[in-house]
Amino acid sequence: MSIILTYHPRYIIRAKLLLCKINRSFKKLWEQDNGDWHWLKEKPVPIASLNRSIWRLSVPTFSFHFMLSLSTIIATLGLLANSAAVIIGAMIIAPLMGPIVGMAYSTAMGNRRLLRRSSFTVVKGIFLTIGVAWLVTSIIGLDTVDTEIMSRVKPTLIDFGIAMAAGAAGAFTNTRRSISSAIPGVAIAVALVPPLSVVGIGLAQGETDIALGALLLFLTNLICIVFFGSLVFLFQSYGNIERAKTGLVMSTVVMFVLGVPLSLSMRELIIKKNVRHQIEDFIFYETEIFTREAINSTINSIAVTPKHGYLKVDIEVSAPLGSIKQKQVEVVQDALAKKIGKDIFLNVEVVPLQRFTVPN
């Protein structure tokens, strides 16, 4: 059985007239001289102008070294002082984004000379930043490792996503004059100098784990800017895919290699977050051993660390000396293991609590 559909010419004519009206309405709206829609037809910067701009950013001038040194000093001091505002200031004035965008542009254009120049500038900048951070940390002599430092030593796929978007934004801002004011925001988002400063701090303090973790974060930012920045330049008709093919393939391989530790860190982060919530719910709502009002005990902190085949749980409790017994901790450990479904290594640190009231 077949169904034959017939279209009446009158309905076809009506549909065409409706489409014409819609088209005229959009055209009229587009051509209104109010500026609301004209941004959509903004043209990219001419290739000759962009070439000159990128070349200037990729040359290792005195200004580049001077500003990078100052931004590193600011970032290092901000990290040691655990001050986010100071670190943001260092990101804004750091000139390292320029030659990295130059690497992305030269990859898209297949310009080996510019690629060598920008890569050389980036490598010099990396060693300069690490060296200055190491020197500042060694002179000050602080061995503190606060949250601003630790937040940069365990990069995950979240950092990969941030670097991906920031790399695309960094390339796009160079192709549009109207949004050049967004460049400082891109510098803050991608955060190139702080991870390298953490590398220098880690080396100065003899903490190789901190240095390697921060270096992984920087390399993630670097390769994402180059790869996704190259794609943005290609989509803007700068260069062609044939010339950029080799650079894009190499960048893709490096991204996959970096993706392995990033994925593992992401998995560990998810496990820690999920398990931590379960443990906190159990400790606070299903047991009163560590939060008994009778002895005025309080939980100061709970830390969860995934290990091979088990979870390490560290709990710090403020309580009067002798108020918490080993047997009680064993009961909590057994109950936690049953609730979570994993072996639990429970470590409870009791901070002796003394209370003085005046007047008695």
Protein backbone atom coordinates (compact mmCIF):
# COMPACT_ATOMS: atom_id res chain seq x y z
CA MET A 1 0.00 0.00 0.00
CA SER A 2 1.45 3.33 -0.95
CA ILE A 3 0.46 6.83 0.00
CA ILE A 4 0.78 9.57 -2.59
CA LEU A 5 1.12 13.08 -1.23
CA THR A 6 0.12 15.96 -3.44
CA TYR A 7 0.94 19.58 -2.81
CA HIS A 8 -1.47 22.25 -3.90
CA PRO A 9 0.31 25.06 -5.79
CA ARG A 10 -1.54 27.61 -3.70
CA TYR A 11 0.12 26.38 -0.47
CA ILE A 12 3.54 26.41 -2.11
CA ILE A 13 3.06 30.01 -3.16
CA ARG A 14 1.96 30.97 0.36
CA ALA A 15 5.00 29.29 1.87
CA LYS A 16 7.33 31.14 -0.50
CA LEU A 17 5.67 34.46 0.34
CA LEU A 18 6.04 33.76 4.05
CA LEU A 19 9.74 32.95 3.64
CA CYS A 20 10.24 36.17 1.67
CA LYS A 21 8.59 38.20 4.44
CA ILE A 22 10.77 36.56 7.09
CA ASN A 23 13.88 37.20 5.00
CA ARG A 24 12.97 40.88 4.52
CA SER A 25 12.31 41.26 8.24
CA PHE A 26 15.71 39.82 9.17
CA LYS A 27 17.42 41.95 6.53
CA LYS A 28 15.74 45.08 7.85
CA LEU A 29 16.73 44.20 11.42
CA TRP A 30 20.32 43.53 10.32
CA GLU A 31 20.65 46.83 8.47
CA GLN A 32 19.31 48.94 11.33
CA ASP A 33 21.92 51.52 12.22
CA ASN A 34 21.88 50.86 15.96
CA GLY A 35 25.01 48.71 16.13
CA ASP A 36 23.32 45.81 17.91
CA TRP A 37 23.92 43.32 15.10
CA HIS A 38 26.92 44.71 13.24
CA TRP A 39 29.36 42.84 15.48
CA LEU A 40 28.32 39.64 13.70
CA LYS A 41 29.89 40.80 10.43
CA GLU A 42 33.14 42.07 11.96
CA LYS A 43 36.07 40.94 9.84
CA PRO A 44 39.28 39.42 11.22
CA VAL A 45 42.47 41.46 11.40
CA PRO A 46 44.32 41.48 8.03
CA ILE A 47 46.98 38.81 7.85
CA ALA A 48 49.81 41.33 7.32
CA SER A 49 48.80 43.24 10.46
CA LEU A 50 48.45 40.03 12.51
CA ASN A 51 51.85 38.83 11.28
CA ARG A 52 53.54 41.99 12.54
CA SER A 53 51.73 41.80 15.87
CA ILE A 54 52.57 38.13 16.48
CA TRP A 55 56.22 38.63 15.51
CA ARG A 56 56.54 41.50 18.00
CA LEU A 57 55.06 39.34 20.76
CA SER A 58 57.41 36.44 19.95
CA VAL A 59 60.71 38.31 20.16
CA PRO A 60 62.61 37.94 23.49
CA THR A 61 63.21 41.65 24.09
CA PHE A 62 64.51 43.35 27.23
CA SER A 63 60.94 44.38 28.07
CA PHE A 64 59.82 40.74 27.86
CA HIS A 65 62.51 39.55 30.28
CA PHE A 66 62.03 42.49 32.64
CA MET A 67 58.24 42.19 32.87
CA LEU A 68 58.40 38.40 33.17
CA SER A 69 60.90 38.68 36.03
CA LEU A 70 58.70 41.18 37.85
CA SER A 71 55.57 39.08 37.36
CA THR A 72 57.44 36.02 38.67
CA ILE A 73 58.57 37.89 41.79
CA ILE A 74 54.99 39.03 42.41
CA ALA A 75 53.57 35.54 41.77
CA THR A 76 56.15 33.84 44.02
CA LEU A 77 55.55 36.24 46.89
CA GLY A 78 51.80 35.88 46.42
CA LEU A 79 52.07 32.09 46.52
CA LEU A 80 54.23 32.14 49.63
CA ALA A 81 51.84 34.62 51.27
CA ASN A 82 48.84 32.57 50.09
CA SER A 83 47.29 35.68 48.53
CA ALA A 84 45.04 35.09 45.51
CA ALA A 85 44.77 38.82 44.73
CA VAL A 86 48.55 39.20 44.41
CA ILE A 87 48.77 36.12 42.17
CA ILE A 88 46.07 37.52 39.87
CA GLY A 89 48.09 40.73 39.56
CA ALA A 90 51.11 38.70 38.47
CA MET A 91 49.03 36.91 35.81
CA ILE A 92 47.89 40.20 34.28
CA ILE A 93 51.37 41.65 33.71
CA ALA A 94 53.04 38.39 32.61
CA PRO A 95 54.04 38.57 28.90
CA LEU A 96 54.45 34.80 28.43
CA MET A 97 51.10 34.41 26.65
CA GLY A 98 52.39 36.35 23.63
CA PRO A 99 55.04 33.92 22.34
CA ILE A 100 52.80 30.93 23.12
CA VAL A 101 50.10 32.43 20.90
CA GLY A 102 52.93 32.90 18.40
CA MET A 103 53.54 29.14 18.53
CA ALA A 104 49.86 28.53 17.81
CA TYR A 105 49.82 31.00 14.92
CA SER A 106 53.03 29.66 13.37
CA THR A 107 51.64 26.12 13.63
CA ALA A 108 48.51 27.14 11.72
CA MET A 109 50.53 29.06 9.11
CA GLY A 110 53.26 26.44 8.79
CA ASN A 111 55.81 29.20 9.45
CA ARG A 112 58.84 27.34 10.78
CA ARG A 113 60.90 30.48 11.28
CA LEU A 114 58.27 32.05 13.52
CA LEU A 115 57.77 28.72 15.31
CA ARG A 116 61.49 28.53 16.14
CA ARG A 117 61.51 32.14 17.31
CA SER A 118 58.42 31.86 19.52
CA SER A 119 59.47 28.44 20.90
CA PHE A 120 62.90 29.82 21.80
CA THR A 121 61.26 32.74 23.60
CA VAL A 122 58.92 30.41 25.51
CA VAL A 123 61.78 28.12 26.59
CA LYS A 124 63.80 31.12 27.79
CA GLY A 125 60.75 32.38 29.65
CA ILE A 126 60.23 28.99 31.33
CA PHE A 127 63.79 28.81 32.66
CA LEU A 128 63.76 32.48 33.67
CA THR A 129 60.52 32.09 35.63
CA ILE A 130 61.61 28.92 37.42
CA GLY A 131 65.01 30.46 38.21
CA VAL A 132 63.60 33.70 39.61
CA ALA A 133 61.02 31.81 41.71
CA TRP A 134 63.75 29.50 43.05
CA LEU A 135 65.95 32.50 43.92
CA VAL A 136 63.17 34.44 45.67
CA THR A 137 62.12 31.38 47.70
CA SER A 138 65.72 30.61 48.67
CA ILE A 139 66.33 34.19 49.81
CA ILE A 140 63.15 34.39 51.88
CA GLY A 141 63.62 30.92 53.37
CA LEU A 142 59.94 30.11 53.88
CA ASP A 143 59.01 26.42 53.80
CA THR A 144 55.25 26.94 53.97
CA VAL A 145 53.02 25.12 51.48
CA ASP A 146 49.57 26.70 51.58
CA THR A 147 46.41 26.23 49.54
CA GLU A 148 47.46 28.50 46.64
CA ILE A 149 50.50 26.30 46.07
CA MET A 150 48.74 22.98 46.59
CA SER A 151 45.93 23.93 44.21
CA ARG A 152 48.47 23.90 41.37
CA VAL A 153 50.16 20.57 41.99
CA LYS A 154 47.29 18.18 41.18
CA PRO A 155 45.96 19.17 37.74
CA THR A 156 42.92 17.32 36.41
CA LEU A 157 40.80 17.27 33.26
CA ILE A 158 39.09 20.38 34.64
CA ASP A 159 42.37 22.27 34.15
CA PHE A 160 42.56 20.78 30.66
CA GLY A 161 39.13 22.24 29.86
CA ILE A 162 40.10 25.66 31.23
CA ALA A 163 43.30 25.69 29.17
CA MET A 164 41.39 24.59 26.06
CA ALA A 165 38.91 27.48 26.31
CA ALA A 166 41.62 29.99 27.29
CA GLY A 167 43.79 28.95 24.34
CA ALA A 168 40.93 29.46 21.91
CA ALA A 169 40.10 32.81 23.53
CA GLY A 170 43.73 33.92 23.41
CA ALA A 171 43.94 33.25 19.68
CA PHE A 172 40.57 34.83 18.92
CA THR A 173 41.33 38.07 20.80
CA ASN A 174 44.34 38.55 18.52
CA THR A 175 42.15 38.36 15.42
CA ARG A 176 39.62 41.02 16.53
CA ARG A 177 40.54 44.60 17.37
CA SER A 178 37.23 45.24 19.13
CA ILE A 179 37.92 42.69 21.90
CA SER A 180 41.61 43.31 22.52
CA SER A 181 40.66 44.50 26.02
CA ALA A 182 39.83 40.87 26.88
CA ILE A 183 43.50 39.82 26.71
CA PRO A 184 44.17 40.43 30.46
CA GLY A 185 41.19 38.23 31.28
CA VAL A 186 42.61 35.47 29.11
CA ALA A 187 45.94 35.78 30.92
CA ILE A 188 44.17 35.34 34.26
CA ALA A 189 42.20 32.33 33.02
CA VAL A 190 45.16 30.40 31.65
CA ALA A 191 47.58 31.22 34.53
CA LEU A 192 51.00 30.53 33.03
CA VAL A 193 53.41 32.14 35.49
CA PRO A 194 51.99 30.80 38.81
CA PRO A 195 52.52 27.10 37.93
CA LEU A 196 56.10 27.81 36.87
CA SER A 197 56.62 29.79 40.06
CA VAL A 198 55.37 26.78 42.04
CA VAL A 199 57.97 24.68 40.19
CA GLY A 200 60.69 27.05 41.41
CA ILE A 201 59.26 27.06 44.93
CA GLY A 202 59.13 23.26 44.98
CA LEU A 203 62.74 22.97 43.82
CA ALA A 204 63.90 25.53 46.40
CA GLN A 205 62.13 23.62 49.18
CA GLY A 206 63.31 20.23 47.94
CA GLU A 207 59.73 19.14 47.20
CA THR A 208 60.03 17.37 43.84
CA ASP A 209 56.40 16.19 43.91
CA ILE A 210 55.20 19.79 44.08
CA ALA A 211 57.56 20.83 41.28
CA LEU A 212 56.53 17.97 38.97
CA GLY A 213 52.81 18.49 39.59
CA ALA A 214 53.02 22.20 38.82
CA LEU A 215 55.13 21.48 35.72
CA LEU A 216 52.41 19.10 34.49
CA LEU A 217 49.85 21.90 34.90
CA PHE A 218 52.00 24.33 32.91
CA LEU A 219 52.62 21.82 30.11
CA THR A 220 48.87 21.17 29.94
CA ASN A 221 48.21 24.90 29.59
CA LEU A 222 50.96 25.26 26.99
CA ILE A 223 49.92 22.42 24.70
CA CYS A 224 46.21 23.33 24.92
CA ILE A 225 46.91 26.94 23.95
CA VAL A 226 49.01 25.85 20.98
CA PHE A 227 46.55 23.21 19.74
CA PHE A 228 43.23 24.98 20.21
CA GLY A 229 44.74 28.35 19.33
CA SER A 230 45.92 26.84 16.03
CA LEU A 231 42.40 25.56 15.33
CA VAL A 232 40.93 29.01 15.94
CA PHE A 233 43.45 30.60 13.57
CA LEU A 234 42.62 27.98 10.94
CA PHE A 235 38.88 28.60 11.30
CA GLN A 236 39.59 32.31 10.80
CA SER A 237 41.28 31.46 7.46
CA TYR A 238 44.83 32.05 8.68
CA GLY A 239 46.96 29.30 7.16
CA ASN A 240 45.67 25.97 5.90
CA ILE A 241 45.25 22.46 7.24
CA GLU A 242 47.95 20.95 5.02
CA ARG A 243 50.67 23.18 6.44
CA ALA A 244 49.38 22.81 9.98
CA LYS A 245 48.92 19.03 9.80
CA THR A 246 52.30 18.06 11.26
CA GLY A 247 52.08 20.48 14.18
CA LEU A 248 48.50 19.50 14.99
CA VAL A 249 49.33 15.79 14.96
CA MET A 250 52.29 16.32 17.30
CA SER A 251 50.16 18.45 19.63
CA THR A 252 47.44 15.79 19.66
CA VAL A 253 49.93 13.08 20.63
CA VAL A 254 51.30 15.20 23.48
CA MET A 255 47.76 15.96 24.68
CA PHE A 256 46.92 12.27 24.84
CA VAL A 257 50.12 11.59 26.81
CA LEU A 258 49.32 14.39 29.27
CA GLY A 259 45.72 13.21 29.43
CA VAL A 260 46.72 10.00 31.24
CA PRO A 261 47.89 11.60 34.53
CA LEU A 262 45.14 14.23 34.24
CA SER A 263 42.50 11.50 33.97
CA LEU A 264 43.95 9.64 36.95
CA SER A 265 43.93 12.84 39.01
CA MET A 266 40.35 13.52 37.96
CA ARG A 267 39.29 10.02 39.00
CA GLU A 268 41.03 10.41 42.36
CA LEU A 269 39.35 13.79 42.88
CA ILE A 270 35.88 12.35 42.18
CA ILE A 271 36.49 9.43 44.54
CA LYS A 272 37.74 11.76 47.28
CA LYS A 273 34.76 14.10 46.94
CA ASN A 274 32.13 11.36 46.89
CA VAL A 275 33.67 9.28 49.66
CA ARG A 276 34.36 12.33 51.80
CA HIS A 277 30.66 13.27 51.76
CA GLN A 278 29.68 9.74 52.80
CA ILE A 279 32.23 9.69 55.59
CA GLU A 280 31.22 13.13 56.86
CA ASP A 281 27.56 12.13 56.90
CA PHE A 282 28.41 8.98 58.83
CA ILE A 283 30.70 10.72 61.33
CA PHE A 284 28.38 13.65 62.01
CA TYR A 285 24.96 12.00 61.82
CA GLU A 286 25.37 8.27 62.48
CA THR A 287 27.92 8.25 65.28
CA GLU A 288 28.51 10.49 68.27
CA ILE A 289 31.90 9.17 69.31
CA PHE A 290 33.79 12.21 68.00
CA THR A 291 31.07 14.85 68.52
CA ARG A 292 29.71 14.10 71.97
CA GLU A 293 28.44 17.15 73.80
CA ALA A 294 29.05 15.42 77.12
CA ILE A 295 32.81 15.74 76.69
CA ASN A 296 32.73 18.88 74.48
CA SER A 297 34.56 17.17 71.60
CA THR A 298 34.59 18.65 68.09
CA ILE A 299 35.93 17.48 64.72
CA ASN A 300 38.52 19.88 63.30
CA SER A 301 39.14 18.19 59.94
CA ILE A 302 38.50 15.09 57.86
CA ALA A 303 40.87 14.12 55.03
CA VAL A 304 40.40 11.24 52.60
CA THR A 305 43.27 9.84 50.51
CA PRO A 306 42.65 7.01 48.01
CA LYS A 307 45.35 4.34 48.21
CA HIS A 308 45.90 1.13 46.26
CA GLY A 309 43.03 -1.08 47.40
CA TYR A 310 41.93 0.98 50.39
CA LEU A 311 41.08 4.48 51.64
CA LYS A 312 43.12 6.37 54.21
CA VAL A 313 40.92 8.55 56.43
CA ASP A 314 42.54 11.10 58.75
CA ILE A 315 40.36 12.72 61.41
CA GLU A 316 41.52 15.42 63.79
CA VAL A 317 39.40 15.80 66.93
CA SER A 318 39.61 18.27 69.78
CA ALA A 319 38.62 16.44 72.96
CA PRO A 320 39.69 16.08 76.60
CA LEU A 321 42.59 13.68 77.02
CA GLY A 322 41.44 10.08 77.51
CA SER A 323 37.86 10.71 76.44
CA ILE A 324 38.21 8.71 73.18
CA LYS A 325 39.36 5.09 73.42
CA GLN A 326 41.05 2.78 70.89
CA LYS A 327 38.06 0.42 70.97
CA GLN A 328 35.72 3.23 69.91
CA VAL A 329 37.95 4.06 66.94
CA GLU A 330 37.93 0.39 65.89
CA VAL A 331 34.12 0.34 66.00
CA VAL A 332 33.99 3.43 63.75
CA GLN A 333 36.53 1.89 61.36
CA ASP A 334 34.49 -1.31 60.98
CA ALA A 335 31.24 0.62 60.46
CA LEU A 336 32.86 2.91 57.87
CA ALA A 337 34.26 -0.03 55.92
CA LYS A 338 30.81 -1.64 55.75
CA LYS A 339 29.12 1.62 54.72
CA ILE A 340 31.65 2.60 52.02
CA GLY A 341 32.30 -0.92 50.77
CA LYS A 342 36.08 -0.46 50.85
CA ASP A 343 38.86 -1.25 53.28
CA ILE A 344 39.46 1.73 55.57
CA PHE A 345 42.70 2.76 57.25
CA LEU A 346 41.47 5.13 59.96
CA ASN A 347 43.86 7.50 61.69
CA VAL A 348 42.41 9.63 64.50
CA GLU A 349 44.47 12.41 66.06
CA VAL A 350 43.11 13.77 69.32
CA VAL A 351 44.18 17.30 70.20
CA PRO A 352 44.06 17.65 74.00
CA LEU A 353 41.35 20.11 74.92
CA GLN A 354 41.44 22.27 78.03
CA ARG A 355 38.75 24.81 78.85
CA PHE A 356 39.08 27.66 81.33
CA THR A 357 36.10 29.74 82.39
CA VAL A 358 36.41 33.05 84.23
CA PRO A 359 34.67 33.55 86.58
CA ASN A 360 34.10 29.96 87.69
